[in-house]
């Protein structure tokens, strides 16, 4: 489960801020089939400069940089960025510690928010401010693409130890046991705790909350920050479970929904 990398108050969760947890993140999330359709959309929109918002440990950013693209990765978790900077090809990426509100006008062709990044902005003001920041970082012909979980599917029902537990052998570290436990459902907020059991006996936890916005609410927030929704697709790796919003910069003559 990817819980994103930004909180509504721009303070990252422990799983991204704690260097020990950030260092095992990629091993525990080794199956990143969700990134394939973002790479495909980079080609679809012929993007040459990509802004990866909530880039985390830099998996997508480094993958795109290896294709010869100009890539900017922004994230508020210093530990995650430290892991990202160690990766092969990381020197080709511009890494920014912070969130989208602090970005300069990058003239990017495409901005992405993968995983659950779009759902970690809990407050309306922070969500709108970050959308506005992304809008300023894009060129007039730019695109914004991101995914959110469909609240109607109530995916949090699977956030329990029995359904989520995994054991992963990590070179030089041993086996890490990982599981998730739901702690509270108070829609539109859903909270849960991630558990990390290490071979040395230590148990680390990370508390997270995601906001499950309805589709109409997301469309309204995009319109308010200068975007038009061009298309809403299904996530190929999770059909029927997530929406993928494809947005353009709205013209001054009107907005498309």
Protein backbone atom coordinates (compact mmCIF):
# COMPACT_ATOMS: atom_id res chain seq x y z
CA UNK A 1 0.00 0.00 0.00
CA UNK A 2 1.38 3.32 -0.99
CA UNK A 3 0.23 5.99 1.44
CA UNK A 4 1.69 8.87 -0.43
CA UNK A 5 4.29 11.23 0.92
CA UNK A 6 2.64 14.42 2.01
CA UNK A 7 0.25 15.28 4.82
CA UNK A 8 -2.36 17.99 4.79
CA UNK A 9 -0.10 19.99 7.10
CA UNK A 10 3.00 19.20 4.97
CA UNK A 11 4.43 17.03 7.76
CA UNK A 12 5.29 13.61 6.31
CA UNK A 13 4.21 10.36 7.95
CA UNK A 14 6.78 8.41 9.96
CA UNK A 15 7.11 5.83 7.17
CA UNK A 16 8.63 8.56 4.99
CA UNK A 17 10.30 10.73 7.63
CA UNK A 18 12.07 7.92 9.52
CA UNK A 19 15.21 6.98 7.58
CA UNK A 20 15.04 3.33 8.65
CA UNK A 21 11.52 3.02 7.26
CA UNK A 22 12.29 5.06 4.16
CA UNK A 23 15.16 2.70 3.38
CA UNK A 24 12.88 -0.36 3.32
CA UNK A 25 10.01 1.33 1.48
CA UNK A 26 11.05 0.22 -2.01
CA UNK A 27 11.55 -3.39 -0.92
CA UNK A 28 8.13 -3.52 0.69
CA UNK A 29 6.51 -1.81 -2.31
CA UNK A 30 8.46 -3.72 -4.97
CA UNK A 31 5.37 -4.26 -7.16
CA UNK A 32 4.92 -0.83 -8.76
CA UNK A 33 2.68 -1.80 -11.67
CA UNK A 34 0.77 1.40 -10.89
CA UNK A 35 3.57 3.47 -12.41
CA UNK A 36 3.34 1.89 -15.85
CA UNK A 37 0.38 3.92 -17.01
CA UNK A 38 2.02 7.15 -15.84
CA UNK A 39 5.06 6.36 -17.97
CA UNK A 40 2.69 5.63 -20.86
CA UNK A 41 0.97 9.00 -20.38
CA UNK A 42 4.33 10.78 -20.49
CA UNK A 43 4.70 9.36 -23.98
CA UNK A 44 1.04 9.98 -24.83
CA UNK A 45 1.31 13.68 -24.02
CA UNK A 46 4.84 13.96 -25.44
CA UNK A 47 6.08 15.47 -22.19
CA UNK A 48 9.72 16.48 -21.96
CA UNK A 49 9.68 17.99 -18.45
CA UNK A 50 7.80 16.12 -15.73
CA UNK A 51 7.02 17.34 -12.21
CA UNK A 52 6.55 14.45 -9.77
CA UNK A 53 4.64 15.77 -6.75
CA UNK A 54 5.10 13.62 -3.65
CA UNK A 55 7.96 11.78 -5.37
CA UNK A 56 8.89 9.84 -2.23
CA UNK A 57 11.92 7.63 -2.78
CA UNK A 58 12.10 8.66 -6.42
CA UNK A 59 11.12 5.47 -8.22
CA UNK A 60 9.11 7.20 -10.95
CA UNK A 61 11.39 10.25 -11.15
CA UNK A 62 14.51 8.16 -11.74
CA UNK A 63 12.68 5.93 -14.22
CA UNK A 64 11.66 8.97 -16.27
CA UNK A 65 15.08 10.58 -16.02
CA UNK A 66 16.58 7.38 -17.44
CA UNK A 67 14.45 7.99 -20.54
CA UNK A 68 16.21 11.31 -21.05
CA UNK A 69 13.43 13.49 -19.66
CA UNK A 70 13.88 16.57 -17.50
CA UNK A 71 12.40 15.65 -14.12
CA UNK A 72 11.68 17.62 -10.97
CA UNK A 73 10.75 15.63 -7.86
CA UNK A 74 9.26 17.41 -4.85
CA UNK A 75 8.54 15.87 -1.44
CA UNK A 76 8.41 17.13 2.17
CA UNK A 77 10.15 14.05 3.61
CA UNK A 78 13.92 14.56 3.84
CA UNK A 79 14.51 10.86 4.59
CA UNK A 80 12.69 9.75 1.43
CA UNK A 81 14.64 12.23 -0.66
CA UNK A 82 17.88 10.97 0.89
CA UNK A 83 17.00 7.48 -0.34
CA UNK A 84 16.04 8.86 -3.75
CA UNK A 85 19.34 10.70 -4.16
CA UNK A 86 21.32 7.45 -3.73
CA UNK A 87 19.70 5.75 -6.72
CA UNK A 88 21.43 5.26 -10.06
CA UNK A 89 20.69 8.23 -12.29
CA UNK A 90 19.43 10.37 -9.38
CA UNK A 91 21.85 13.11 -10.39
CA UNK A 92 19.69 13.67 -13.47
CA UNK A 93 16.70 14.66 -11.31
CA UNK A 94 16.13 18.03 -9.66
CA UNK A 95 15.10 17.19 -6.08
CA UNK A 96 13.11 19.74 -4.08
CA UNK A 97 12.36 19.41 -0.37
CA UNK A 98 8.90 20.86 0.23
CA UNK A 99 5.51 20.78 -1.42
CA UNK A 100 3.95 22.23 -4.55
CA UNK A 101 3.25 25.58 -2.91
CA UNK A 102 6.99 26.38 -2.87
CA UNK A 103 7.76 25.53 -6.50
CA UNK A 104 9.01 28.13 -8.96
CA UNK A 105 7.39 28.44 -12.42
CA UNK A 106 8.99 25.34 -13.95
CA UNK A 107 7.14 25.38 -17.27
CA UNK A 108 6.66 21.63 -16.87
CA UNK A 109 4.72 19.71 -19.51
CA UNK A 110 3.21 17.18 -17.10
CA UNK A 111 2.67 16.96 -13.34
CA UNK A 112 1.96 13.64 -11.63
CA UNK A 113 0.67 12.56 -8.24
CA UNK A 114 0.95 8.79 -8.00
CA UNK A 115 -0.27 6.39 -5.34
CA UNK A 116 -2.29 8.09 -2.62
CA UNK A 117 -0.53 11.45 -2.77
CA UNK A 118 -3.67 13.35 -3.79
CA UNK A 119 -5.49 11.96 -0.73
CA UNK A 120 -3.01 13.03 1.93
CA UNK A 121 -4.08 16.70 1.73
CA UNK A 122 -6.64 16.55 4.51
CA UNK A 123 -7.68 20.19 4.66
CA UNK A 124 -9.37 22.01 1.80
CA UNK A 125 -7.04 25.00 2.05
CA UNK A 126 -3.92 22.86 1.75
CA UNK A 127 -5.35 20.80 -1.12
CA UNK A 128 -6.32 23.92 -3.06
CA UNK A 129 -3.00 25.62 -2.33
CA UNK A 130 -1.04 22.66 -3.67
CA UNK A 131 -3.21 22.40 -6.77
CA UNK A 132 -2.63 26.10 -7.39
CA UNK A 133 1.11 25.56 -6.92
CA UNK A 134 1.09 22.78 -9.50
CA UNK A 135 -0.86 25.01 -11.88
CA UNK A 136 1.80 27.73 -11.60
CA UNK A 137 4.55 25.19 -12.26
CA UNK A 138 2.99 24.04 -15.54
CA UNK A 139 3.23 25.60 -18.95
CA UNK A 140 -0.10 26.74 -20.51
CA UNK A 141 -0.35 23.50 -22.50
CA UNK A 142 0.60 21.32 -19.53
CA UNK A 143 -1.28 18.40 -18.01
CA UNK A 144 -1.90 17.17 -14.48
CA UNK A 145 -2.57 13.47 -13.92
CA UNK A 146 -3.29 11.80 -10.59
CA UNK A 147 -5.25 8.96 -9.06
CA UNK A 148 -7.63 8.70 -6.11
CA UNK A 149 -9.43 5.76 -4.60
CA UNK A 150 -13.17 5.55 -5.22
CA UNK A 151 -14.88 5.96 -1.81
CA UNK A 152 -17.76 3.78 -2.97
CA UNK A 153 -15.48 0.75 -3.04
CA UNK A 154 -14.68 1.10 0.67
CA UNK A 155 -11.21 -0.28 0.12
CA UNK A 156 -10.28 0.30 3.76
CA UNK A 157 -12.19 -2.87 4.67
CA UNK A 158 -9.08 -4.76 3.53
CA UNK A 159 -6.78 -2.74 5.81
CA UNK A 160 -6.28 -5.41 8.45
CA UNK A 161 -3.46 -7.74 9.44
CA UNK A 162 -4.88 -10.84 7.78
CA UNK A 163 -5.36 -9.20 4.38
CA UNK A 164 -2.24 -7.04 4.34
CA UNK A 165 0.56 -8.97 6.04
CA UNK A 166 3.71 -9.67 4.06
CA UNK A 167 7.23 -10.86 4.85
CA UNK A 168 10.04 -9.53 2.70
CA UNK A 169 13.68 -10.58 2.79
CA UNK A 170 15.91 -7.53 2.38
CA UNK A 171 19.60 -7.91 1.59
CA UNK A 172 21.81 -6.95 4.51
CA UNK A 173 18.84 -6.47 6.81
CA UNK A 174 16.97 -9.74 7.09
CA UNK A 175 13.22 -10.28 6.94
CA UNK A 176 10.81 -7.43 7.58
CA UNK A 177 7.21 -8.28 8.44
CA UNK A 178 4.72 -5.60 7.42
CA UNK A 179 1.00 -5.18 7.96
CA UNK A 180 -1.73 -2.53 8.19
CA UNK A 181 -4.50 -2.08 10.73
CA UNK A 182 -7.46 0.24 10.29
CA UNK A 183 -7.87 2.59 13.26
CA UNK A 184 -10.78 4.91 12.42
CA UNK A 185 -13.32 5.58 9.70
CA UNK A 186 -14.87 9.03 9.97
CA UNK A 187 -15.62 9.86 6.36
CA UNK A 188 -14.24 11.49 4.44
CA UNK A 189 -11.24 10.65 6.67
CA UNK A 190 -9.86 7.13 7.08
CA UNK A 191 -6.98 6.44 9.46
CA UNK A 192 -4.72 3.42 9.77
CA UNK A 193 -1.43 2.28 11.28
CA UNK A 194 1.37 0.55 9.42
CA UNK A 195 3.53 -1.92 11.36
CA UNK A 196 7.12 -2.91 10.62
CA UNK A 197 8.59 -5.85 12.53
CA UNK A 198 12.37 -6.22 12.10
CA UNK A 199 14.52 -9.30 12.72
CA UNK A 200 16.29 -7.53 15.58
CA UNK A 201 13.00 -7.50 17.48
CA UNK A 202 12.17 -3.84 16.98
CA UNK A 203 8.65 -2.89 15.97
CA UNK A 204 8.14 0.50 14.33
CA UNK A 205 4.78 2.00 13.44
CA UNK A 206 3.52 4.82 11.27
CA UNK A 207 0.09 6.45 11.60
CA UNK A 208 -1.61 7.78 8.46
CA UNK A 209 -4.87 9.41 7.43
CA UNK A 210 -6.28 9.69 3.92
CA UNK A 211 -9.16 11.84 2.72
CA UNK A 212 -11.61 10.16 0.37
CA UNK A 213 -13.08 12.97 -1.72
CA UNK A 214 -16.05 12.34 -3.98
CA UNK A 215 -15.56 12.74 -7.69
CA UNK A 216 -17.70 15.91 -7.94
CA UNK A 217 -15.76 17.48 -5.08
CA UNK A 218 -12.48 16.84 -6.87
CA UNK A 219 -13.78 18.32 -10.12
CA UNK A 220 -14.90 21.46 -8.27
CA UNK A 221 -11.52 21.88 -6.58
CA UNK A 222 -9.71 21.50 -9.90
CA UNK A 223 -11.95 24.10 -11.51
CA UNK A 224 -11.32 26.51 -8.62
CA UNK A 225 -7.56 26.27 -9.14
CA UNK A 226 -7.38 26.75 -12.89
CA UNK A 227 -7.71 23.21 -14.24
CA UNK A 228 -10.21 21.57 -16.55
CA UNK A 229 -10.93 17.85 -16.33
CA UNK A 230 -10.27 16.41 -19.77
CA UNK A 231 -10.91 12.79 -18.90
CA UNK A 232 -11.39 10.43 -15.96
CA UNK A 233 -9.89 7.00 -16.54
CA UNK A 234 -9.73 3.79 -14.57
CA UNK A 235 -6.40 2.81 -13.06
CA UNK A 236 -5.28 -0.17 -15.19
CA UNK A 237 -3.74 -1.90 -12.17
CA UNK A 238 -6.90 -1.42 -10.05
CA UNK A 239 -9.90 -1.37 -12.40
CA UNK A 240 -13.08 -0.20 -10.74
CA UNK A 241 -11.24 0.84 -7.59
CA UNK A 242 -9.59 4.13 -8.53
CA UNK A 243 -10.16 7.20 -10.67
CA UNK A 244 -7.30 8.63 -12.74
CA UNK A 245 -7.90 12.30 -13.47
CA UNK A 246 -6.37 13.77 -16.62
CA UNK A 247 -6.48 17.56 -16.41
CA UNK A 248 -5.49 20.46 -18.58
CA UNK A 249 -4.85 24.08 -17.75
CA UNK A 250 -8.21 25.81 -18.07
CA UNK A 251 -8.50 28.56 -20.63
CA UNK A 252 -9.82 31.96 -19.63
CA UNK A 253 -12.80 31.34 -21.92
CA UNK A 254 -14.24 28.59 -19.80
CA UNK A 255 -13.59 25.24 -18.25
CA UNK A 256 -14.40 21.76 -19.36
CA UNK A 257 -15.84 19.08 -17.12
